[in-house]
Amino acid sequence: MTQNLRLEPIDLGDHLLWPDGTIQVVPERLIDFSFKLNGNGLDRLSVTELTPEIEQFNDLSEHKISIKSEIDTNIFPPAWIVPQKYQELDLDAFLFGLAEKIENDSLYDVRLQRLTDEIVAFKEFDLDSVLRLLVYIIDKMQESNIVWGVGRGSSCSSYLLYLMGLHEIDPVLFDIPLSDFLK
């Protein structure tokens, strides 16, 4: 017997955590995020952000704190909350437009093939909503002059994410296989 449940968000101030896996964050406060995928979907989503009050505390204290929300569940596809502009983004045009960022060097053909293969892989895993969220987060971080790390974890083996600006590790140059990301 199927039961309809009304799910209410957990209110964390400016941060709403939904039991179905949706996290809504104030983008200007986002300092870190990560996600872990498996063949069936999203295993974990982790978001870290700072409020002005926490930043003030961190400036005055030797202890550093932040708000971290983490969902350790199997949800797919995630119900990302992104502005309408990103929901309507022509994602295919955006992704294939990344080819214009490819360096025209001796690895150009390898880079172009890798980009194409990764776009196909992201499509096969039905990750359009994840890509839209990443485009939104990267845009908001750039607009807000938020500095993020050089790269972290298996995302550094994705050339597509490199071209999007999520990290600064060129997996083609360092011969990092895409399979490291897809594990």
N, C-alpha and C. Protein backbone atom coordinates (compact mmCIF):
# COMPACT_ATOMS: atom_id res chain seq x y z
N MET A 1 0.84 -1.18 0.00
CA MET A 1 0.00 0.00 0.00
C MET A 1 0.89 1.25 0.00
N THR A 2 0.63 2.15 -0.93
CA THR A 2 1.39 3.39 -1.04
C THR A 2 0.80 4.44 -0.12
N GLN A 3 1.67 5.13 0.57
CA GLN A 3 1.25 6.18 1.47
C GLN A 3 1.85 7.50 1.02
N ASN A 4 1.05 8.54 0.96
CA ASN A 4 1.56 9.86 0.63
C ASN A 4 1.98 10.56 1.90
N LEU A 5 3.21 10.99 1.94
CA LEU A 5 3.72 11.68 3.12
C LEU A 5 4.02 13.12 2.75
N ARG A 6 3.68 14.03 3.62
CA ARG A 6 4.04 15.43 3.43
C ARG A 6 5.39 15.65 4.11
N LEU A 7 6.39 16.00 3.32
CA LEU A 7 7.72 16.21 3.86
C LEU A 7 7.94 17.69 4.12
N GLU A 8 8.33 18.02 5.32
CA GLU A 8 8.60 19.40 5.70
C GLU A 8 10.11 19.61 5.77
N PRO A 9 10.58 20.80 5.38
CA PRO A 9 12.02 21.06 5.46
C PRO A 9 12.46 21.28 6.90
N ILE A 10 13.71 21.01 7.15
CA ILE A 10 14.33 21.34 8.42
C ILE A 10 14.90 22.74 8.24
N ASP A 11 14.45 23.68 9.04
CA ASP A 11 14.86 25.07 8.90
C ASP A 11 16.16 25.30 9.67
N LEU A 12 17.22 25.61 8.95
CA LEU A 12 18.51 25.91 9.57
C LEU A 12 18.83 27.39 9.38
N GLY A 13 17.86 28.23 9.57
CA GLY A 13 18.06 29.67 9.35
C GLY A 13 17.89 29.98 7.88
N ASP A 14 18.98 30.38 7.23
CA ASP A 14 18.94 30.69 5.80
C ASP A 14 19.12 29.45 4.94
N HIS A 15 19.09 28.32 5.55
CA HIS A 15 19.45 27.07 4.90
C HIS A 15 18.32 26.06 5.14
N LEU A 16 17.68 25.58 4.10
CA LEU A 16 16.61 24.61 4.25
C LEU A 16 17.10 23.24 3.80
N LEU A 17 16.95 22.25 4.63
CA LEU A 17 17.35 20.89 4.31
C LEU A 17 16.08 20.05 4.20
N TRP A 18 15.83 19.54 3.01
CA TRP A 18 14.62 18.76 2.76
C TRP A 18 14.92 17.28 2.92
N PRO A 19 14.02 16.54 3.55
CA PRO A 19 14.25 15.10 3.75
C PRO A 19 14.40 14.30 2.45
N ASP A 20 13.87 14.81 1.33
CA ASP A 20 14.01 14.07 0.08
C ASP A 20 15.36 14.29 -0.57
N GLY A 21 16.22 15.07 0.06
CA GLY A 21 17.56 15.26 -0.46
C GLY A 21 17.81 16.62 -1.06
N THR A 22 16.79 17.47 -1.11
CA THR A 22 16.99 18.79 -1.68
C THR A 22 17.63 19.70 -0.65
N ILE A 23 18.67 20.37 -1.03
CA ILE A 23 19.29 21.35 -0.15
C ILE A 23 19.19 22.70 -0.84
N GLN A 24 18.68 23.69 -0.12
CA GLN A 24 18.63 25.05 -0.64
C GLN A 24 19.61 25.88 0.18
N VAL A 25 20.52 26.52 -0.51
CA VAL A 25 21.59 27.25 0.16
C VAL A 25 21.59 28.69 -0.33
N VAL A 26 21.99 29.60 0.55
CA VAL A 26 22.22 30.97 0.12
C VAL A 26 23.57 30.96 -0.61
N PRO A 27 23.59 31.12 -1.94
CA PRO A 27 24.83 30.92 -2.72
C PRO A 27 26.00 31.76 -2.26
N GLU A 28 25.74 32.97 -1.79
CA GLU A 28 26.84 33.84 -1.37
C GLU A 28 27.57 33.28 -0.15
N ARG A 29 26.95 32.35 0.55
CA ARG A 29 27.56 31.79 1.76
C ARG A 29 28.18 30.41 1.52
N LEU A 30 28.04 29.91 0.32
CA LEU A 30 28.55 28.57 0.01
C LEU A 30 30.07 28.60 -0.05
N ILE A 31 30.71 27.70 0.69
CA ILE A 31 32.17 27.65 0.64
C ILE A 31 32.66 26.29 0.14
N ASP A 32 31.83 25.27 0.20
CA ASP A 32 32.27 23.96 -0.25
C ASP A 32 31.05 23.09 -0.50
N PHE A 33 31.17 22.21 -1.45
CA PHE A 33 30.13 21.22 -1.66
C PHE A 33 30.77 20.00 -2.28
N SER A 34 30.17 18.87 -2.06
CA SER A 34 30.65 17.65 -2.69
C SER A 34 29.48 16.70 -2.83
N PHE A 35 29.60 15.80 -3.76
CA PHE A 35 28.58 14.79 -3.91
C PHE A 35 29.23 13.49 -4.34
N LYS A 36 28.57 12.40 -4.02
CA LYS A 36 29.10 11.09 -4.38
C LYS A 36 28.00 10.36 -5.14
N LEU A 37 28.34 9.89 -6.31
CA LEU A 37 27.39 9.19 -7.14
C LEU A 37 27.72 7.71 -7.19
N ASN A 38 26.69 6.91 -7.36
CA ASN A 38 26.90 5.50 -7.71
C ASN A 38 26.07 5.21 -8.94
N GLY A 39 26.05 3.99 -9.39
CA GLY A 39 25.32 3.65 -10.61
C GLY A 39 23.82 3.89 -10.50
N ASN A 40 23.30 3.91 -9.28
CA ASN A 40 21.86 4.10 -9.09
C ASN A 40 21.47 5.52 -8.76
N GLY A 41 22.43 6.35 -8.46
CA GLY A 41 22.08 7.72 -8.15
C GLY A 41 23.04 8.40 -7.21
N LEU A 42 22.50 9.32 -6.46
CA LEU A 42 23.29 10.15 -5.57
C LEU A 42 23.34 9.48 -4.20
N ASP A 43 24.54 9.14 -3.74
CA ASP A 43 24.70 8.52 -2.43
C ASP A 43 24.77 9.55 -1.32
N ARG A 44 25.49 10.63 -1.57
CA ARG A 44 25.70 11.62 -0.52
C ARG A 44 25.83 13.01 -1.13
N LEU A 45 25.26 13.97 -0.46
CA LEU A 45 25.42 15.36 -0.83
C LEU A 45 25.84 16.11 0.42
N SER A 46 26.89 16.88 0.32
CA SER A 46 27.42 17.61 1.46
C SER A 46 27.61 19.07 1.04
N VAL A 47 27.08 19.98 1.85
CA VAL A 47 27.19 21.40 1.56
C VAL A 47 27.71 22.11 2.81
N THR A 48 28.71 22.96 2.65
CA THR A 48 29.25 23.74 3.76
C THR A 48 29.12 25.22 3.42
N GLU A 49 28.64 25.99 4.38
CA GLU A 49 28.51 27.42 4.14
C GLU A 49 28.82 28.20 5.41
N LEU A 50 29.08 29.48 5.24
CA LEU A 50 29.36 30.38 6.36
C LEU A 50 28.31 31.48 6.41
N THR A 51 27.86 31.82 7.61
CA THR A 51 26.99 32.97 7.79
C THR A 51 27.88 34.14 8.22
N PRO A 52 27.40 35.38 8.09
CA PRO A 52 28.21 36.52 8.54
C PRO A 52 28.58 36.40 10.02
N GLU A 53 27.67 35.88 10.84
CA GLU A 53 27.94 35.73 12.26
C GLU A 53 29.09 34.74 12.51
N ILE A 54 29.08 33.64 11.75
CA ILE A 54 30.14 32.64 11.90
C ILE A 54 31.47 33.20 11.40
N GLU A 55 31.44 33.96 10.30
CA GLU A 55 32.67 34.59 9.80
C GLU A 55 33.26 35.53 10.85
N GLN A 56 32.40 36.29 11.53
CA GLN A 56 32.86 37.21 12.58
C GLN A 56 33.49 36.41 13.73
N PHE A 57 32.84 35.32 14.12
CA PHE A 57 33.38 34.45 15.16
C PHE A 57 34.74 33.90 14.74
N ASN A 58 34.84 33.43 13.50
CA ASN A 58 36.09 32.85 13.01
C ASN A 58 37.22 33.87 12.99
N ASP A 59 36.88 35.14 12.70
CA ASP A 59 37.90 36.19 12.70
C ASP A 59 38.47 36.45 14.09
N LEU A 60 37.61 36.26 15.11
CA LEU A 60 38.01 36.58 16.48
C LEU A 60 38.53 35.39 17.27
N SER A 61 38.36 34.21 16.73
CA SER A 61 38.69 32.99 17.48
C SER A 61 39.74 32.16 16.76
N GLU A 62 40.47 31.37 17.53
CA GLU A 62 41.41 30.43 16.91
C GLU A 62 40.67 29.19 16.40
N HIS A 63 39.44 28.99 16.85
CA HIS A 63 38.62 27.87 16.38
C HIS A 63 37.84 28.31 15.16
N LYS A 64 37.75 27.48 14.16
CA LYS A 64 37.02 27.80 12.94
C LYS A 64 35.82 26.88 12.81
N ILE A 65 34.66 27.46 12.54
CA ILE A 65 33.45 26.67 12.41
C ILE A 65 32.71 27.05 11.13
N SER A 66 31.80 26.21 10.69
CA SER A 66 30.95 26.48 9.54
C SER A 66 29.70 25.62 9.70
N ILE A 67 28.70 25.87 8.85
CA ILE A 67 27.49 25.06 8.85
C ILE A 67 27.69 23.98 7.79
N LYS A 68 27.53 22.74 8.16
CA LYS A 68 27.67 21.66 7.20
C LYS A 68 26.40 20.82 7.22
N SER A 69 25.80 20.67 6.07
CA SER A 69 24.62 19.83 5.93
C SER A 69 25.01 18.64 5.05
N GLU A 70 24.66 17.48 5.48
CA GLU A 70 25.03 16.30 4.72
C GLU A 70 23.86 15.33 4.67
N ILE A 71 23.63 14.83 3.50
CA ILE A 71 22.58 13.83 3.31
C ILE A 71 23.28 12.55 2.89
N ASP A 72 23.07 11.51 3.62
CA ASP A 72 23.67 10.22 3.31
C ASP A 72 22.53 9.27 2.98
N THR A 73 22.09 9.32 1.75
CA THR A 73 20.93 8.55 1.34
C THR A 73 21.05 8.25 -0.14
N ASN A 74 20.16 7.45 -0.65
CA ASN A 74 20.17 7.14 -2.07
C ASN A 74 18.98 7.81 -2.72
N ILE A 75 19.22 8.99 -3.28
CA ILE A 75 18.16 9.74 -3.94
C ILE A 75 18.52 9.93 -5.40
N PHE A 76 17.55 9.82 -6.27
CA PHE A 76 17.80 10.02 -7.69
C PHE A 76 16.49 10.08 -8.43
N PRO A 77 16.27 10.99 -9.33
CA PRO A 77 17.13 12.15 -9.52
C PRO A 77 16.88 13.17 -8.42
N PRO A 78 17.87 13.94 -8.04
CA PRO A 78 17.67 14.92 -6.99
C PRO A 78 16.77 16.05 -7.48
N ALA A 79 16.04 16.63 -6.59
CA ALA A 79 15.14 17.74 -6.91
C ALA A 79 15.87 19.05 -6.61
N TRP A 80 16.80 19.42 -7.47
CA TRP A 80 17.60 20.62 -7.24
C TRP A 80 16.75 21.86 -7.36
N ILE A 81 17.01 22.80 -6.50
CA ILE A 81 16.33 24.09 -6.57
C ILE A 81 17.33 25.06 -7.18
N VAL A 82 17.11 25.42 -8.43
CA VAL A 82 17.96 26.39 -9.10
C VAL A 82 17.05 27.43 -9.75
N PRO A 83 17.54 28.64 -9.94
CA PRO A 83 16.71 29.67 -10.58
C PRO A 83 16.23 29.22 -11.96
N GLN A 84 15.13 29.78 -12.37
CA GLN A 84 14.49 29.43 -13.64
C GLN A 84 15.46 29.54 -14.82
N LYS A 85 16.33 30.55 -14.78
CA LYS A 85 17.31 30.76 -15.85
C LYS A 85 18.15 29.49 -16.09
N TYR A 86 18.50 28.80 -15.00
CA TYR A 86 19.33 27.60 -15.11
C TYR A 86 18.50 26.37 -15.46
N GLN A 87 17.23 26.37 -15.06
CA GLN A 87 16.34 25.29 -15.44
C GLN A 87 16.09 25.30 -16.94
N GLU A 88 16.08 26.50 -17.52
CA GLU A 88 15.81 26.66 -18.95
C GLU A 88 17.08 26.68 -19.80
N LEU A 89 18.24 26.59 -19.17
CA LEU A 89 19.52 26.61 -19.88
C LEU A 89 19.57 25.52 -20.94
N ASP A 90 19.97 25.88 -22.15
CA ASP A 90 20.18 24.87 -23.20
C ASP A 90 21.47 24.15 -22.85
N LEU A 91 21.33 23.09 -22.07
CA LEU A 91 22.48 22.40 -21.51
C LEU A 91 23.38 21.80 -22.59
N ASP A 92 22.79 21.23 -23.62
CA ASP A 92 23.60 20.65 -24.70
C ASP A 92 24.47 21.71 -25.37
N ALA A 93 23.87 22.86 -25.67
CA ALA A 93 24.64 23.95 -26.28
C ALA A 93 25.75 24.42 -25.34
N PHE A 94 25.43 24.51 -24.04
CA PHE A 94 26.43 24.91 -23.06
C PHE A 94 27.59 23.92 -23.02
N LEU A 95 27.26 22.62 -22.92
CA LEU A 95 28.30 21.59 -22.79
C LEU A 95 29.17 21.51 -24.03
N PHE A 96 28.56 21.50 -25.20
CA PHE A 96 29.36 21.42 -26.42
C PHE A 96 30.09 22.74 -26.69
N GLY A 97 29.57 23.84 -26.12
CA GLY A 97 30.25 25.13 -26.22
C GLY A 97 31.56 25.15 -25.44
N LEU A 98 31.70 24.22 -24.49
CA LEU A 98 32.96 24.13 -23.73
C LEU A 98 34.14 23.77 -24.63
N ALA A 99 33.84 23.22 -25.81
CA ALA A 99 34.91 22.87 -26.76
C ALA A 99 35.73 24.10 -27.15
N GLU A 100 35.11 25.28 -27.07
CA GLU A 100 35.83 26.52 -27.40
C GLU A 100 36.93 26.81 -26.39
N LYS A 101 36.85 26.23 -25.20
CA LYS A 101 37.86 26.45 -24.16
C LYS A 101 39.04 25.49 -24.29
N ILE A 102 38.93 24.52 -25.17
CA ILE A 102 39.99 23.52 -25.29
C ILE A 102 41.23 24.15 -25.90
N GLU A 103 42.34 23.93 -25.24
CA GLU A 103 43.62 24.45 -25.70
C GLU A 103 44.00 23.78 -27.01
N ASN A 104 44.40 24.58 -27.99
CA ASN A 104 44.78 24.04 -29.29
C ASN A 104 46.25 23.66 -29.27
N ASP A 105 46.51 22.48 -28.70
CA ASP A 105 47.88 22.00 -28.59
C ASP A 105 47.95 20.58 -29.17
N SER A 106 49.03 19.88 -28.88
CA SER A 106 49.20 18.54 -29.44
C SER A 106 48.17 17.55 -28.91
N LEU A 107 47.50 17.88 -27.79
CA LEU A 107 46.48 17.00 -27.22
C LEU A 107 45.06 17.42 -27.60
N TYR A 108 44.93 18.34 -28.55
CA TYR A 108 43.61 18.88 -28.88
C TYR A 108 42.61 17.78 -29.24
N ASP A 109 42.98 16.86 -30.12
CA ASP A 109 42.05 15.81 -30.54
C ASP A 109 41.66 14.90 -29.37
N VAL A 110 42.62 14.61 -28.51
CA VAL A 110 42.35 13.78 -27.33
C VAL A 110 41.39 14.52 -26.39
N ARG A 111 41.64 15.81 -26.21
CA ARG A 111 40.79 16.62 -25.33
C ARG A 111 39.35 16.70 -25.87
N LEU A 112 39.22 16.91 -27.17
CA LEU A 112 37.89 17.01 -27.78
C LEU A 112 37.14 15.68 -27.65
N GLN A 113 37.84 14.56 -27.88
CA GLN A 113 37.21 13.25 -27.74
C GLN A 113 36.81 12.99 -26.28
N ARG A 114 37.66 13.38 -25.36
CA ARG A 114 37.37 13.19 -23.93
C ARG A 114 36.14 13.99 -23.53
N LEU A 115 36.05 15.23 -23.98
CA LEU A 115 34.88 16.05 -23.68
C LEU A 115 33.61 15.38 -24.22
N THR A 116 33.65 14.93 -25.45
CA THR A 116 32.49 14.27 -26.06
C THR A 116 32.11 13.01 -25.29
N ASP A 117 33.10 12.19 -24.93
CA ASP A 117 32.84 10.97 -24.17
C ASP A 117 32.21 11.28 -22.82
N GLU A 118 32.68 12.32 -22.17
CA GLU A 118 32.15 12.66 -20.85
C GLU A 118 30.73 13.21 -20.94
N ILE A 119 30.46 14.00 -21.96
CA ILE A 119 29.09 14.49 -22.14
C ILE A 119 28.14 13.31 -22.32
N VAL A 120 28.55 12.34 -23.12
CA VAL A 120 27.73 11.14 -23.33
C VAL A 120 27.55 10.39 -22.01
N ALA A 121 28.61 10.26 -21.22
CA ALA A 121 28.52 9.54 -19.93
C ALA A 121 27.57 10.26 -18.98
N PHE A 122 27.67 11.59 -18.88
CA PHE A 122 26.78 12.35 -18.01
C PHE A 122 25.33 12.18 -18.47
N LYS A 123 25.11 12.15 -19.79
CA LYS A 123 23.76 11.95 -20.33
C LYS A 123 23.25 10.54 -20.01
N GLU A 124 24.12 9.54 -20.14
CA GLU A 124 23.71 8.16 -19.86
C GLU A 124 23.29 7.98 -18.41
N PHE A 125 23.94 8.72 -17.49
CA PHE A 125 23.59 8.65 -16.08
C PHE A 125 22.47 9.63 -15.72
N ASP A 126 21.94 10.33 -16.72
CA ASP A 126 20.83 11.26 -16.53
C ASP A 126 21.17 12.32 -15.48
N LEU A 127 22.32 12.96 -15.65
CA LEU A 127 22.82 13.92 -14.66
C LEU A 127 22.65 15.38 -15.10
N ASP A 128 21.69 15.64 -15.97
CA ASP A 128 21.48 17.02 -16.41
C ASP A 128 21.20 17.95 -15.23
N SER A 129 20.39 17.49 -14.27
CA SER A 129 20.05 18.36 -13.13
C SER A 129 21.29 18.66 -12.28
N VAL A 130 22.19 17.70 -12.16
CA VAL A 130 23.43 17.93 -11.42
C VAL A 130 24.29 18.97 -12.16
N LEU A 131 24.38 18.84 -13.47
CA LEU A 131 25.17 19.79 -14.26
C LEU A 131 24.59 21.20 -14.18
N ARG A 132 23.26 21.31 -14.23
CA ARG A 132 22.62 22.63 -14.10
C ARG A 132 22.96 23.25 -12.75
N LEU A 133 22.89 22.43 -11.70
CA LEU A 133 23.23 22.91 -10.36
C LEU A 133 24.68 23.39 -10.32
N LEU A 134 25.58 22.64 -10.91
CA LEU A 134 27.00 23.02 -10.91
C LEU A 134 27.23 24.32 -11.67
N VAL A 135 26.55 24.49 -12.81
CA VAL A 135 26.68 25.74 -13.57
C VAL A 135 26.22 26.90 -12.69
N TYR A 136 25.09 26.72 -12.02
CA TYR A 136 24.56 27.76 -11.12
C TYR A 136 25.54 28.07 -9.98
N ILE A 137 26.03 27.03 -9.31
CA ILE A 137 26.93 27.24 -8.18
C ILE A 137 28.22 27.93 -8.62
N ILE A 138 28.80 27.48 -9.72
CA ILE A 138 30.03 28.09 -10.22
C ILE A 138 29.78 29.56 -10.57
N ASP A 139 28.67 29.84 -11.25
CA ASP A 139 28.34 31.24 -11.59
C ASP A 139 28.21 32.09 -10.34
N LYS A 140 27.48 31.59 -9.34
CA LYS A 140 27.26 32.37 -8.11
C LYS A 140 28.58 32.58 -7.35
N MET A 141 29.42 31.56 -7.33
CA MET A 141 30.70 31.70 -6.64
C MET A 141 31.58 32.73 -7.35
N GLN A 142 31.57 32.71 -8.68
CA GLN A 142 32.36 33.69 -9.43
C GLN A 142 31.81 35.10 -9.23
N GLU A 143 30.48 35.24 -9.30
CA GLU A 143 29.85 36.55 -9.11
C GLU A 143 30.15 37.12 -7.72
N SER A 144 30.24 36.25 -6.72
CA SER A 144 30.45 36.68 -5.34
C SER A 144 31.93 36.71 -4.96
N ASN A 145 32.80 36.48 -5.94
CA ASN A 145 34.25 36.46 -5.70
C ASN A 145 34.65 35.49 -4.59
N ILE A 146 34.00 34.33 -4.59
CA ILE A 146 34.32 33.29 -3.62
C ILE A 146 35.44 32.44 -4.22
N VAL A 147 36.47 32.22 -3.45
CA VAL A 147 37.60 31.40 -3.89
C VAL A 147 37.35 29.97 -3.45
N TRP A 148 37.53 29.03 -4.36
CA TRP A 148 37.40 27.63 -3.98
C TRP A 148 38.67 26.90 -4.34
N GLY A 149 38.79 25.69 -3.87
CA GLY A 149 40.04 24.94 -3.99
C GLY A 149 40.42 24.59 -5.41
N VAL A 150 41.65 24.16 -5.55
CA VAL A 150 42.20 23.75 -6.84
C VAL A 150 41.47 22.53 -7.38
N GLY A 151 41.13 21.62 -6.51
CA GLY A 151 40.42 20.41 -6.90
C GLY A 151 40.30 19.47 -5.72
N ARG A 152 39.32 18.59 -5.81
CA ARG A 152 39.08 17.71 -4.68
C ARG A 152 38.51 16.38 -5.17
N GLY A 153 39.10 15.32 -4.72
CA GLY A 153 38.55 13.98 -4.94
C GLY A 153 38.45 13.57 -6.39
N SER A 154 37.52 12.69 -6.64
CA SER A 154 37.40 12.09 -7.97
C SER A 154 36.89 13.07 -9.02
N SER A 155 36.32 14.20 -8.61
CA SER A 155 35.87 15.18 -9.61
C SER A 155 37.03 15.65 -10.48
N CYS A 156 38.25 15.57 -9.95
CA CYS A 156 39.43 16.02 -10.70
C CYS A 156 39.75 15.11 -11.88
N SER A 157 39.09 13.97 -11.98
CA SER A 157 39.31 13.11 -13.15
C SER A 157 38.28 13.38 -14.24
N SER A 158 37.45 14.40 -14.07
CA SER A 158 36.48 14.78 -15.10
C SER A 158 36.97 16.00 -15.87
N TYR A 159 37.19 15.82 -17.15
CA TYR A 159 37.61 16.92 -18.02
C TYR A 159 36.47 17.92 -18.21
N LEU A 160 35.25 17.43 -18.28
CA LEU A 160 34.08 18.29 -18.41
C LEU A 160 34.00 19.26 -17.23
N LEU A 161 34.16 18.75 -16.01
CA LEU A 161 34.10 19.61 -14.82
C LEU A 161 35.28 20.58 -14.79
N TYR A 162 36.42 20.15 -15.33
CA TYR A 162 37.58 21.04 -15.45
C TYR A 162 37.25 22.22 -16.37
N LEU A 163 36.66 21.94 -17.52
CA LEU A 163 36.32 23.01 -18.47
C LEU A 163 35.24 23.92 -17.92
N MET A 164 34.35 23.37 -17.09
CA MET A 164 33.30 24.20 -16.46
C MET A 164 33.89 25.13 -15.41
N GLY A 165 35.08 24.81 -14.90
CA GLY A 165 35.72 25.66 -13.91
C GLY A 165 35.55 25.17 -12.49
N LEU A 166 35.07 23.94 -12.31
CA LEU A 166 34.89 23.40 -10.96
C LEU A 166 36.21 23.14 -10.27
N HIS A 167 37.20 22.72 -11.04
CA HIS A 167 38.53 22.47 -10.48
C HIS A 167 39.59 22.87 -11.51
N GLU A 168 40.85 22.84 -11.11
CA GLU A 168 41.94 23.31 -11.97
C GLU A 168 42.91 22.20 -12.36
N ILE A 169 42.46 20.96 -12.26
CA ILE A 169 43.32 19.82 -12.60
C ILE A 169 42.92 19.32 -13.99
N ASP A 170 43.82 19.41 -14.95
CA ASP A 170 43.54 18.95 -16.31
C ASP A 170 43.79 17.44 -16.37
N PRO A 171 42.73 16.62 -16.35
CA PRO A 171 42.91 15.17 -16.33
C PRO A 171 43.48 14.61 -17.63
N VAL A 172 43.33 15.34 -18.72
CA VAL A 172 43.91 14.88 -19.98
C VAL A 172 45.43 15.04 -19.92
N LEU A 173 45.87 16.19 -19.47
CA LEU A 173 47.31 16.45 -19.36
C LEU A 173 47.99 15.44 -18.44
N PHE A 174 47.33 15.11 -17.33
CA PHE A 174 47.92 14.19 -16.35
C PHE A 174 47.48 12.74 -16.55
N ASP A 175 46.78 12.49 -17.66
CA ASP A 175 46.37 11.13 -18.03
C ASP A 175 45.59 10.43 -16.90
N ILE A 176 44.61 11.15 -16.33
CA ILE A 176 43.74 10.60 -15.29
C ILE A 176 42.49 10.05 -15.98
N PRO A 177 42.23 8.77 -15.84
CA PRO A 177 41.08 8.19 -16.56
C PRO A 177 39.74 8.62 -15.97
N LEU A 178 38.75 8.74 -16.84
CA LEU A 178 37.39 9.10 -16.43
C LEU A 178 36.83 8.07 -15.47
N SER A 179 37.27 6.84 -15.55
CA SER A 179 36.76 5.78 -14.68
C SER A 179 36.98 6.11 -13.20
N ASP A 180 38.01 6.92 -12.88
CA ASP A 180 38.22 7.34 -11.49
C ASP A 180 37.04 8.17 -10.98
N PHE A 181 36.42 8.93 -11.87
CA PHE A 181 35.26 9.75 -11.50
C PHE A 181 33.99 8.91 -11.43
N LEU A 182 33.87 7.95 -12.31
CA LEU A 182 32.63 7.18 -12.41
C LEU A 182 32.52 6.05 -11.41
N LYS A 183 33.54 5.85 -10.57
CA LYS A 183 33.50 4.75 -9.57
C LYS A 183 32.38 4.94 -8.61
